[in-house]
PDB file of N, CA and C in Angstrom:
ATOM      1  N   UNK A   1       5.895-109.592  11.916  1.00  0.00           N
ATOM      2  CA  UNK A   1       6.773-108.650  12.555  1.00  0.00           C
ATOM      3  C   UNK A   1       7.575-109.415  13.603  1.00  0.00           C
ATOM      4  N   UNK A   2       8.808-109.071  13.750  1.00  0.00           N
ATOM      5  CA  UNK A   2       9.672-109.693  14.751  1.00  0.00           C
ATOM      6  C   UNK A   2       9.570-108.967  16.077  1.00  0.00           C
ATOM      7  N   UNK A   3      10.628-109.011  16.844  1.00  0.00           N
ATOM      8  CA  UNK A   3      10.621-108.424  18.186  1.00  0.00           C
ATOM      9  C   UNK A   3      10.979-106.941  18.200  1.00  0.00           C
ATOM     10  N   UNK A   4      11.203-106.348  17.040  1.00  0.00           N
ATOM     11  CA  UNK A   4      11.626-104.956  16.923  1.00  0.00           C
ATOM     12  C   UNK A   4      10.725-103.994  17.698  1.00  0.00           C
ATOM     13  N   UNK A   5       9.438-104.196  17.670  1.00  0.00           N
ATOM     14  CA  UNK A   5       8.497-103.264  18.284  1.00  0.00           C
ATOM     15  C   UNK A   5       8.027-103.681  19.680  1.00  0.00           C
ATOM     16  N   UNK A   6       8.613-104.692  20.247  1.00  0.00           N
ATOM     17  CA  UNK A   6       8.236-105.101  21.595  1.00  0.00           C
ATOM     18  C   UNK A   6       8.775-104.118  22.620  1.00  0.00           C
ATOM     19  N   UNK A   7       7.957-103.819  23.605  1.00  0.00           N
ATOM     20  CA  UNK A   7       8.422-103.053  24.762  1.00  0.00           C
ATOM     21  C   UNK A   7       9.154-104.003  25.700  1.00  0.00           C
ATOM     22  N   UNK A   8       9.830-103.457  26.671  1.00  0.00           N
ATOM     23  CA  UNK A   8      10.576-104.291  27.622  1.00  0.00           C
ATOM     24  C   UNK A   8       9.675-105.317  28.303  1.00  0.00           C
ATOM     25  N   UNK A   9       8.452-104.910  28.620  1.00  0.00           N
ATOM     26  CA  UNK A   9       7.528-105.821  29.301  1.00  0.00           C
ATOM     27  C   UNK A   9       6.834-106.783  28.340  1.00  0.00           C
ATOM     28  N   UNK A  10       7.164-106.722  27.045  1.00  0.00           N
ATOM     29  CA  UNK A  10       6.581-107.617  26.050  1.00  0.00           C
ATOM     30  C   UNK A  10       7.616-108.587  25.480  1.00  0.00           C
ATOM     31  N   UNK A  11       8.790-108.638  26.055  1.00  0.00           N
ATOM     32  CA  UNK A  11       9.867-109.470  25.511  1.00  0.00           C
ATOM     33  C   UNK A  11       9.400-110.904  25.292  1.00  0.00           C
ATOM     34  N   UNK A  12       9.562-111.387  24.087  1.00  0.00           N
ATOM     35  CA  UNK A  12       9.172-112.751  23.750  1.00  0.00           C
ATOM     36  C   UNK A  12       7.791-112.878  23.141  1.00  0.00           C
ATOM     37  N   UNK A  13       7.030-111.792  23.101  1.00  0.00           N
ATOM     38  CA  UNK A  13       5.659-111.869  22.594  1.00  0.00           C
ATOM     39  C   UNK A  13       5.616-112.251  21.114  1.00  0.00           C
ATOM     40  N   UNK A  14       6.495-111.693  20.301  1.00  0.00           N
ATOM     41  CA  UNK A  14       6.513-112.036  18.875  1.00  0.00           C
ATOM     42  C   UNK A  14       6.836-113.519  18.685  1.00  0.00           C
ATOM     43  N   UNK A  15       7.779-114.011  19.437  1.00  0.00           N
ATOM     44  CA  UNK A  15       8.150-115.430  19.338  1.00  0.00           C
ATOM     45  C   UNK A  15       6.993-116.321  19.789  1.00  0.00           C
ATOM     46  N   UNK A  16       6.372-115.975  20.881  1.00  0.00           N
ATOM     47  CA  UNK A  16       5.224-116.732  21.382  1.00  0.00           C
ATOM     48  C   UNK A  16       4.104-116.732  20.345  1.00  0.00           C
ATOM     49  N   UNK A  17       3.833-115.558  19.760  1.00  0.00           N
ATOM     50  CA  UNK A  17       2.756-115.461  18.763  1.00  0.00           C
ATOM     51  C   UNK A  17       3.037-116.342  17.557  1.00  0.00           C
ATOM     52  N   UNK A  18       4.288-116.375  17.108  1.00  0.00           N
ATOM     53  CA  UNK A  18       4.606-117.214  15.949  1.00  0.00           C
ATOM     54  C   UNK A  18       4.410-118.687  16.273  1.00  0.00           C
ATOM     55  N   UNK A  19       4.717-119.088  17.500  1.00  0.00           N
ATOM     56  CA  UNK A  19       4.520-120.482  17.899  1.00  0.00           C
ATOM     57  C   UNK A  19       3.052-120.842  18.027  1.00  0.00           C
ATOM     58  N   UNK A  20       2.246-119.877  18.380  1.00  0.00           N
ATOM     59  CA  UNK A  20       0.832-120.134  18.607  1.00  0.00           C
ATOM     60  C   UNK A  20      -0.035-119.871  17.376  1.00  0.00           C
ATOM     61  N   UNK A  21       0.570-119.380  16.296  1.00  0.00           N
ATOM     62  CA  UNK A  21      -0.203-118.943  15.131  1.00  0.00           C
ATOM     63  C   UNK A  21      -1.110-120.020  14.566  1.00  0.00           C
ATOM     64  N   UNK A  22      -0.706-121.259  14.619  1.00  0.00           N
ATOM     65  CA  UNK A  22      -1.522-122.319  14.037  1.00  0.00           C
ATOM     66  C   UNK A  22      -2.449-122.962  15.063  1.00  0.00           C
ATOM     67  N   UNK A  23      -2.625-122.308  16.197  1.00  0.00           N
ATOM     68  CA  UNK A  23      -3.533-122.822  17.226  1.00  0.00           C
ATOM     69  C   UNK A  23      -4.908-122.187  17.167  1.00  0.00           C
ATOM     70  N   UNK A  24      -5.155-121.391  16.160  1.00  0.00           N
ATOM     71  CA  UNK A  24      -6.479-120.824  16.002  1.00  0.00           C
ATOM     72  C   UNK A  24      -6.440-119.437  15.402  1.00  0.00           C
ATOM     73  N   UNK A  25      -7.414-119.187  14.548  1.00  0.00           N
ATOM     74  CA  UNK A  25      -7.547-117.882  13.917  1.00  0.00           C
ATOM     75  C   UNK A  25      -9.016-117.657  13.618  1.00  0.00           C
ATOM     76  N   UNK A  26      -9.308-116.495  13.085  1.00  0.00           N
ATOM     77  CA  UNK A  26     -10.691-116.116  12.834  1.00  0.00           C
ATOM     78  C   UNK A  26     -11.415-117.146  11.963  1.00  0.00           C
ATOM     79  N   UNK A  27     -10.775-117.604  10.889  1.00  0.00           N
ATOM     80  CA  UNK A  27     -11.426-118.520   9.960  1.00  0.00           C
ATOM     81  C   UNK A  27     -11.037-119.985  10.160  1.00  0.00           C
ATOM     82  N   UNK A  28     -10.081-120.236  11.049  1.00  0.00           N
ATOM     83  CA  UNK A  28      -9.627-121.593  11.330  1.00  0.00           C
ATOM     84  C   UNK A  28      -9.585-121.801  12.841  1.00  0.00           C
ATOM     85  N   UNK A  29     -10.717-122.144  13.457  1.00  0.00           N
ATOM     86  CA  UNK A  29     -10.721-122.406  14.899  1.00  0.00           C
ATOM     87  C   UNK A  29      -9.710-123.492  15.257  1.00  0.00           C
ATOM     88  N   UNK A  30      -9.202-123.440  16.463  1.00  0.00           N
ATOM     89  CA  UNK A  30      -8.100-124.313  16.871  1.00  0.00           C
ATOM     90  C   UNK A  30      -8.366-125.794  16.613  1.00  0.00           C
ATOM     91  N   UNK A  31      -9.565-126.238  16.802  1.00  0.00           N
ATOM     92  CA  UNK A  31      -9.869-127.654  16.611  1.00  0.00           C
ATOM     93  C   UNK A  31      -9.764-128.062  15.150  1.00  0.00           C
ATOM     94  N   UNK A  32      -9.827-127.108  14.225  1.00  0.00           N
ATOM     95  CA  UNK A  32      -9.850-127.420  12.806  1.00  0.00           C
ATOM     96  C   UNK A  32      -8.488-127.347  12.130  1.00  0.00           C
ATOM     97  N   UNK A  33      -7.497-126.709  12.724  1.00  0.00           N
ATOM     98  CA  UNK A  33      -6.218-126.485  12.060  1.00  0.00           C
ATOM     99  C   UNK A  33      -5.485-127.795  11.795  1.00  0.00           C
ATOM    100  N   UNK A  34      -5.336-128.634  12.801  1.00  0.00           N
ATOM    101  CA  UNK A  34      -4.643-129.908  12.631  1.00  0.00           C
ATOM    102  C   UNK A  34      -5.382-130.762  11.605  1.00  0.00           C
ATOM    103  N   UNK A  35      -6.675-130.863  11.745  1.00  0.00           N
ATOM    104  CA  UNK A  35      -7.484-131.646  10.809  1.00  0.00           C
ATOM    105  C   UNK A  35      -7.354-131.097   9.381  1.00  0.00           C
ATOM    106  N   UNK A  36      -7.321-129.787   9.235  1.00  0.00           N
ATOM    107  CA  UNK A  36      -7.164-129.146   7.927  1.00  0.00           C
ATOM    108  C   UNK A  36      -5.873-129.608   7.255  1.00  0.00           C
ATOM    109  N   UNK A  37      -4.763-129.554   7.982  1.00  0.00           N
ATOM    110  CA  UNK A  37      -3.491-129.981   7.413  1.00  0.00           C
ATOM    111  C   UNK A  37      -3.473-131.493   7.127  1.00  0.00           C
ATOM    112  N   UNK A  38      -4.032-132.268   8.028  1.00  0.00           N
ATOM    113  CA  UNK A  38      -4.027-133.720   7.841  1.00  0.00           C
ATOM    114  C   UNK A  38      -4.841-134.145   6.617  1.00  0.00           C
ATOM    115  N   UNK A  39      -5.950-133.469   6.362  1.00  0.00           N
ATOM    116  CA  UNK A  39      -6.755-133.787   5.178  1.00  0.00           C
ATOM    117  C   UNK A  39      -5.983-133.511   3.895  1.00  0.00           C
ATOM    118  N   UNK A  40      -5.022-132.614   3.951  1.00  0.00           N
ATOM    119  CA  UNK A  40      -4.188-132.300   2.795  1.00  0.00           C
ATOM    120  C   UNK A  40      -2.984-133.230   2.694  1.00  0.00           C
ATOM    121  N   UNK A  41      -2.859-134.145   3.649  1.00  0.00           N
ATOM    122  CA  UNK A  41      -1.731-135.060   3.648  1.00  0.00           C
ATOM    123  C   UNK A  41      -0.488-134.477   4.288  1.00  0.00           C
ATOM    124  N   UNK A  42      -0.654-133.383   5.025  1.00  0.00           N
ATOM    125  CA  UNK A  42       0.475-132.737   5.690  1.00  0.00           C
ATOM    126  C   UNK A  42       0.564-133.235   7.121  1.00  0.00           C
ATOM    127  N   UNK A  43       1.765-133.300   7.633  1.00  0.00           N
ATOM    128  CA  UNK A  43       2.002-133.666   9.024  1.00  0.00           C
ATOM    129  C   UNK A  43       2.071-132.390   9.840  1.00  0.00           C
ATOM    130  N   UNK A  44       1.080-132.159  10.704  1.00  0.00           N
ATOM    131  CA  UNK A  44       1.082-130.950  11.523  1.00  0.00           C
ATOM    132  C   UNK A  44       2.282-131.007  12.456  1.00  0.00           C
ATOM    133  N   UNK A  45       3.140-130.024  12.368  1.00  0.00           N
ATOM    134  CA  UNK A  45       4.375-130.001  13.142  1.00  0.00           C
ATOM    135  C   UNK A  45       5.558-130.351  12.265  1.00  0.00           C
ATOM    136  N   UNK A  46       5.450-131.443  11.520  1.00  0.00           N
ATOM    137  CA  UNK A  46       6.531-131.840  10.633  1.00  0.00           C
ATOM    138  C   UNK A  46       6.575-131.017   9.358  1.00  0.00           C
ATOM    139  N   UNK A  47       5.403-130.603   8.870  1.00  0.00           N
ATOM    140  CA  UNK A  47       5.335-129.821   7.643  1.00  0.00           C
ATOM    141  C   UNK A  47       5.057-128.344   7.910  1.00  0.00           C
ATOM    142  N   UNK A  48       4.991-127.961   9.165  1.00  0.00           N
ATOM    143  CA  UNK A  48       4.758-126.560   9.528  1.00  0.00           C
ATOM    144  C   UNK A  48       5.821-126.114  10.524  1.00  0.00           C
ATOM    145  N   UNK A  49       6.237-124.864  10.398  1.00  0.00           N
ATOM    146  CA  UNK A  49       7.227-124.325  11.316  1.00  0.00           C
ATOM    147  C   UNK A  49       7.183-122.805  11.244  1.00  0.00           C
ATOM    148  N   UNK A  50       7.692-122.158  12.264  1.00  0.00           N
ATOM    149  CA  UNK A  50       7.795-120.701  12.285  1.00  0.00           C
ATOM    150  C   UNK A  50       9.030-120.317  13.083  1.00  0.00           C
ATOM    151  N   UNK A  51       9.589-119.177  12.721  1.00  0.00           N
ATOM    152  CA  UNK A  51      10.723-118.646  13.482  1.00  0.00           C
ATOM    153  C   UNK A  51      10.600-117.126  13.552  1.00  0.00           C
ATOM    154  N   UNK A  52      11.156-116.560  14.590  1.00  0.00           N
ATOM    155  CA  UNK A  52      11.083-115.122  14.800  1.00  0.00           C
ATOM    156  C   UNK A  52      12.475-114.594  15.083  1.00  0.00           C
ATOM    157  N   UNK A  53      12.803-113.480  14.445  1.00  0.00           N
ATOM    158  CA  UNK A  53      14.031-112.783  14.799  1.00  0.00           C
ATOM    159  C   UNK A  53      13.710-111.316  15.019  1.00  0.00           C
ATOM    160  N   UNK A  54      14.703-110.478  15.007  1.00  0.00           N
ATOM    161  CA  UNK A  54      14.521-109.081  15.383  1.00  0.00           C
ATOM    162  C   UNK A  54      13.508-108.339  14.517  1.00  0.00           C
ATOM    163  N   UNK A  55      13.553-108.541  13.224  1.00  0.00           N
ATOM    164  CA  UNK A  55      12.709-107.736  12.345  1.00  0.00           C
ATOM    165  C   UNK A  55      11.693-108.516  11.521  1.00  0.00           C
ATOM    166  N   UNK A  56      11.542-109.812  11.772  1.00  0.00           N
ATOM    167  CA  UNK A  56      10.563-110.558  10.988  1.00  0.00           C
ATOM    168  C   UNK A  56      10.174-111.865  11.671  1.00  0.00           C
ATOM    169  N   UNK A  57       9.022-112.340  11.250  1.00  0.00           N
ATOM    170  CA  UNK A  57       8.570-113.682  11.607  1.00  0.00           C
ATOM    171  C   UNK A  57       8.394-114.433  10.301  1.00  0.00           C
ATOM    172  N   UNK A  58       8.905-115.631  10.249  1.00  0.00           N
ATOM    173  CA  UNK A  58       8.872-116.428   9.032  1.00  0.00           C
ATOM    174  C   UNK A  58       8.069-117.694   9.304  1.00  0.00           C
ATOM    175  N   UNK A  59       7.066-117.932   8.466  1.00  0.00           N
ATOM    176  CA  UNK A  59       6.275-119.157   8.543  1.00  0.00           C
ATOM    177  C   UNK A  59       6.710-120.059   7.396  1.00  0.00           C
ATOM    178  N   UNK A  60       6.981-121.310   7.698  1.00  0.00           N
ATOM    179  CA  UNK A  60       7.407-122.271   6.689  1.00  0.00           C
ATOM    180  C   UNK A  60       6.403-123.410   6.623  1.00  0.00           C
ATOM    181  N   UNK A  61       5.968-123.709   5.421  1.00  0.00           N
ATOM    182  CA  UNK A  61       5.027-124.801   5.192  1.00  0.00           C
ATOM    183  C   UNK A  61       5.560-125.676   4.067  1.00  0.00           C
ATOM    184  N   UNK A  62       5.597-126.965   4.294  1.00  0.00           N
ATOM    185  CA  UNK A  62       5.909-127.919   3.229  1.00  0.00           C
ATOM    186  C   UNK A  62       4.579-128.245   2.572  1.00  0.00           C
ATOM    187  N   UNK A  63       4.320-127.589   1.459  1.00  0.00           N
ATOM    188  CA  UNK A  63       3.021-127.685   0.811  1.00  0.00           C
ATOM    189  C   UNK A  63       2.861-128.982   0.025  1.00  0.00           C
ATOM    190  N   UNK A  64       1.622-129.446  -0.098  1.00  0.00           N
ATOM    191  CA  UNK A  64       1.357-130.611  -0.928  1.00  0.00           C
ATOM    192  C   UNK A  64       1.706-130.309  -2.381  1.00  0.00           C
ATOM    193  N   UNK A  65       1.923-131.337  -3.161  1.00  0.00           N
ATOM    194  CA  UNK A  65       2.323-131.136  -4.552  1.00  0.00           C
ATOM    195  C   UNK A  65       1.162-130.781  -5.468  1.00  0.00           C
ATOM    196  N   UNK A  66      -0.039-131.151  -5.120  1.00  0.00           N
ATOM    197  CA  UNK A  66      -1.188-130.820  -5.959  1.00  0.00           C
ATOM    198  C   UNK A  66      -1.489-129.322  -5.867  1.00  0.00           C
ATOM    199  N   UNK A  67      -1.623-128.662  -7.002  1.00  0.00           N
ATOM    200  CA  UNK A  67      -1.841-127.213  -7.039  1.00  0.00           C
ATOM    201  C   UNK A  67      -3.101-126.805  -6.281  1.00  0.00           C
ATOM    202  N   UNK A  68      -4.163-127.598  -6.399  1.00  0.00           N
ATOM    203  CA  UNK A  68      -5.407-127.219  -5.711  1.00  0.00           C
ATOM    204  C   UNK A  68      -5.230-127.260  -4.197  1.00  0.00           C
ATOM    205  N   UNK A  69      -4.440-128.206  -3.692  1.00  0.00           N
ATOM    206  CA  UNK A  69      -4.197-128.284  -2.257  1.00  0.00           C
ATOM    207  C   UNK A  69      -3.322-127.125  -1.800  1.00  0.00           C
ATOM    208  N   UNK A  70      -2.334-126.757  -2.585  1.00  0.00           N
ATOM    209  CA  UNK A  70      -1.478-125.620  -2.238  1.00  0.00           C
ATOM    210  C   UNK A  70      -2.313-124.349  -2.160  1.00  0.00           C
ATOM    211  N   UNK A  71      -3.281-124.203  -3.049  1.00  0.00           N
ATOM    212  CA  UNK A  71      -4.156-123.034  -3.014  1.00  0.00           C
ATOM    213  C   UNK A  71      -5.000-123.018  -1.744  1.00  0.00           C
ATOM    214  N   UNK A  72      -5.435-124.183  -1.280  1.00  0.00           N
ATOM    215  CA  UNK A  72      -6.224-124.251  -0.043  1.00  0.00           C
ATOM    216  C   UNK A  72      -5.376-123.823   1.156  1.00  0.00           C
ATOM    217  N   UNK A  73      -4.103-124.229   1.176  1.00  0.00           N
ATOM    218  CA  UNK A  73      -3.211-123.825   2.259  1.00  0.00           C
ATOM    219  C   UNK A  73      -2.972-122.324   2.194  1.00  0.00           C
ATOM    220  N   UNK A  74      -2.873-121.781   0.990  1.00  0.00           N
ATOM    221  CA  UNK A  74      -2.666-120.342   0.839  1.00  0.00           C
ATOM    222  C   UNK A  74      -3.825-119.543   1.432  1.00  0.00           C
ATOM    223  N   UNK A  75      -5.012-120.125   1.503  1.00  0.00           N
ATOM    224  CA  UNK A  75      -6.153-119.466   2.148  1.00  0.00           C
ATOM    225  C   UNK A  75      -5.909-119.261   3.639  1.00  0.00           C
ATOM    226  N   UNK A  76      -5.087-120.100   4.226  1.00  0.00           N
ATOM    227  CA  UNK A  76      -4.793-120.012   5.656  1.00  0.00           C
ATOM    228  C   UNK A  76      -3.877-118.831   5.987  1.00  0.00           C
ATOM    229  N   UNK A  77      -2.969-118.493   5.099  1.00  0.00           N
ATOM    230  CA  UNK A  77      -1.922-117.516   5.402  1.00  0.00           C
ATOM    231  C   UNK A  77      -2.426-116.114   5.755  1.00  0.00           C
ATOM    232  N   UNK A  78      -3.402-115.539   5.040  1.00  0.00           N
ATOM    233  CA  UNK A  78      -3.883-114.219   5.460  1.00  0.00           C
ATOM    234  C   UNK A  78      -4.475-114.217   6.870  1.00  0.00           C
ATOM    235  N   UNK A  79      -5.082-115.332   7.246  1.00  0.00           N
ATOM    236  CA  UNK A  79      -5.643-115.446   8.590  1.00  0.00           C
ATOM    237  C   UNK A  79      -4.538-115.459   9.632  1.00  0.00           C
ATOM    238  N   UNK A  80      -3.452-116.175   9.350  1.00  0.00           N
ATOM    239  CA  UNK A  80      -2.317-116.199  10.260  1.00  0.00           C
ATOM    240  C   UNK A  80      -1.706-114.812  10.375  1.00  0.00           C
ATOM    241  N   UNK A  81      -1.650-114.094   9.258  1.00  0.00           N
ATOM    242  CA  UNK A  81      -1.033-112.772   9.250  1.00  0.00           C
ATOM    243  C   UNK A  81      -1.846-111.720   9.988  1.00  0.00           C
ATOM    244  N   UNK A  82      -3.173-111.839   9.993  1.00  0.00           N
ATOM    245  CA  UNK A  82      -3.940-110.778  10.616  1.00  0.00           C
ATOM    246  C   UNK A  82      -5.188-111.192  11.357  1.00  0.00           C
ATOM    247  N   UNK A  83      -5.390-112.476  11.588  1.00  0.00           N
ATOM    248  CA  UNK A  83      -6.625-112.888  12.217  1.00  0.00           C
ATOM    249  C   UNK A  83      -6.456-113.852  13.357  1.00  0.00           C
ATOM    250  N   UNK A  84      -5.317-113.805  14.025  1.00  0.00           N
ATOM    251  CA  UNK A  84      -5.098-114.723  15.146  1.00  0.00           C
ATOM    252  C   UNK A  84      -6.015-114.374  16.303  1.00  0.00           C
ATOM    253  N   UNK A  85      -6.406-115.383  17.048  1.00  0.00           N
ATOM    254  CA  UNK A  85      -7.246-115.183  18.219  1.00  0.00           C
ATOM    255  C   UNK A  85      -6.593-115.804  19.430  1.00  0.00           C
ATOM    256  N   UNK A  86      -7.047-115.410  20.572  1.00  0.00           N
ATOM    257  CA  UNK A  86      -6.583-116.051  21.800  1.00  0.00           C
ATOM    258  C   UNK A  86      -7.725-116.770  22.477  1.00  0.00           C
ATOM    259  N   UNK A  87      -8.758-117.080  21.692  1.00  0.00           N
ATOM    260  CA  UNK A  87      -9.934-117.775  22.192  1.00  0.00           C
ATOM    261  C   UNK A  87      -9.551-119.144  22.727  1.00  0.00           C
ATOM    262  N   UNK A  88      -9.923-119.420  23.943  1.00  0.00           N
ATOM    263  CA  UNK A  88      -9.645-120.691  24.589  1.00  0.00           C
ATOM    264  C   UNK A  88     -10.739-121.711  24.334  1.00  0.00           C
ATOM    265  N   UNK A  89     -11.753-121.316  23.553  1.00  0.00           N
ATOM    266  CA  UNK A  89     -12.859-122.230  23.294  1.00  0.00           C
ATOM    267  C   UNK A  89     -13.857-122.248  24.433  1.00  0.00           C
ATOM    268  N   UNK A  90     -13.769-121.281  25.322  1.00  0.00           N
ATOM    269  CA  UNK A  90     -14.697-121.211  26.467  1.00  0.00           C
ATOM    270  C   UNK A  90     -15.873-120.347  26.148  1.00  0.00           C
TER     271      UNK A  90
END
């Protein structure tokens, strides 16, 4: 979701959330996300990106060419869509 449903006091929350999406989720704790992508041969940051506009958030991934690796990355997407956490690891 983009910024469409933000209240005045929430301005920027959708954009912030999209930037933080790969910093941890229910099934991918923050310490594991970078390592997960690197094991697949992906450059964290270079092969991952997100953008937010008024009515949507778009996540972009440059997926590995091997089908089995692409399927492993696809396991991450539902977690990003509905399982983000704000756990600081404390």
